[in-house]
Amino acid sequence: MGCCSDPAAKMREHLSGLSGWTP
């Protein structure tokens, strides 16, 4: 799952709580 691929995807995963990469 492209986490660091698109800013929208990063925010989406972050809001979803699937962020394994704390910003």
N, C-alpha and C. Protein backbone atom coordinates (compact mmCIF):
# COMPACT_ATOMS: atom_id res chain seq x y z
N MET A 1 0.84 -1.20 0.00
CA MET A 1 0.00 0.00 0.00
C MET A 1 0.87 1.24 0.00
N GLY A 2 0.83 2.00 -1.06
CA GLY A 2 1.68 3.19 -1.14
C GLY A 2 1.36 4.19 -0.05
N CYS A 3 2.12 4.13 1.03
CA CYS A 3 1.88 5.06 2.13
C CYS A 3 2.56 6.39 1.83
N CYS A 4 3.81 6.29 1.42
CA CYS A 4 4.56 7.53 1.15
C CYS A 4 4.54 7.84 -0.34
N SER A 5 3.49 7.36 -1.02
CA SER A 5 3.39 7.59 -2.46
C SER A 5 2.64 8.89 -2.74
N ASP A 6 1.50 9.05 -2.09
CA ASP A 6 0.72 10.27 -2.27
C ASP A 6 0.37 10.90 -0.92
N PRO A 7 0.38 12.22 -0.86
CA PRO A 7 0.07 12.94 0.38
C PRO A 7 -1.33 12.58 0.87
N ALA A 8 -2.25 12.43 -0.07
CA ALA A 8 -3.63 12.08 0.28
C ALA A 8 -3.67 10.69 0.90
N ALA A 9 -2.87 9.80 0.35
CA ALA A 9 -2.84 8.42 0.86
C ALA A 9 -2.24 8.41 2.26
N LYS A 10 -1.22 9.23 2.48
CA LYS A 10 -0.58 9.30 3.79
C LYS A 10 -1.60 9.78 4.82
N MET A 11 -2.31 10.85 4.48
CA MET A 11 -3.29 11.39 5.42
C MET A 11 -4.42 10.41 5.63
N ARG A 12 -4.79 9.72 4.55
CA ARG A 12 -5.89 8.75 4.64
C ARG A 12 -5.51 7.60 5.57
N GLU A 13 -4.31 7.07 5.40
CA GLU A 13 -3.86 5.97 6.25
C GLU A 13 -3.66 6.46 7.68
N HIS A 14 -3.20 7.69 7.81
CA HIS A 14 -2.96 8.25 9.14
C HIS A 14 -4.28 8.36 9.89
N LEU A 15 -5.32 8.84 9.19
CA LEU A 15 -6.63 8.99 9.81
C LEU A 15 -7.24 7.62 10.07
N SER A 16 -6.84 6.65 9.25
CA SER A 16 -7.40 5.31 9.40
C SER A 16 -6.70 4.58 10.54
N GLY A 17 -5.53 5.09 10.95
CA GLY A 17 -4.82 4.48 12.06
C GLY A 17 -3.91 3.36 11.57
N LEU A 18 -3.68 3.31 10.26
CA LEU A 18 -2.81 2.26 9.72
C LEU A 18 -1.41 2.80 9.49
N SER A 19 -1.16 3.99 10.06
CA SER A 19 0.14 4.62 9.85
C SER A 19 1.23 3.92 10.66
N GLY A 20 2.10 3.18 9.97
CA GLY A 20 3.18 2.49 10.66
C GLY A 20 4.38 3.41 10.72
N TRP A 21 4.31 4.53 9.99
CA TRP A 21 5.40 5.50 9.93
C TRP A 21 4.97 6.79 10.58
N THR A 22 5.25 6.96 11.86
CA THR A 22 4.83 8.18 12.54
C THR A 22 5.54 9.39 11.94
N PRO A 23 4.77 10.38 11.50
CA PRO A 23 5.31 11.58 10.86
C PRO A 23 6.04 12.49 11.84
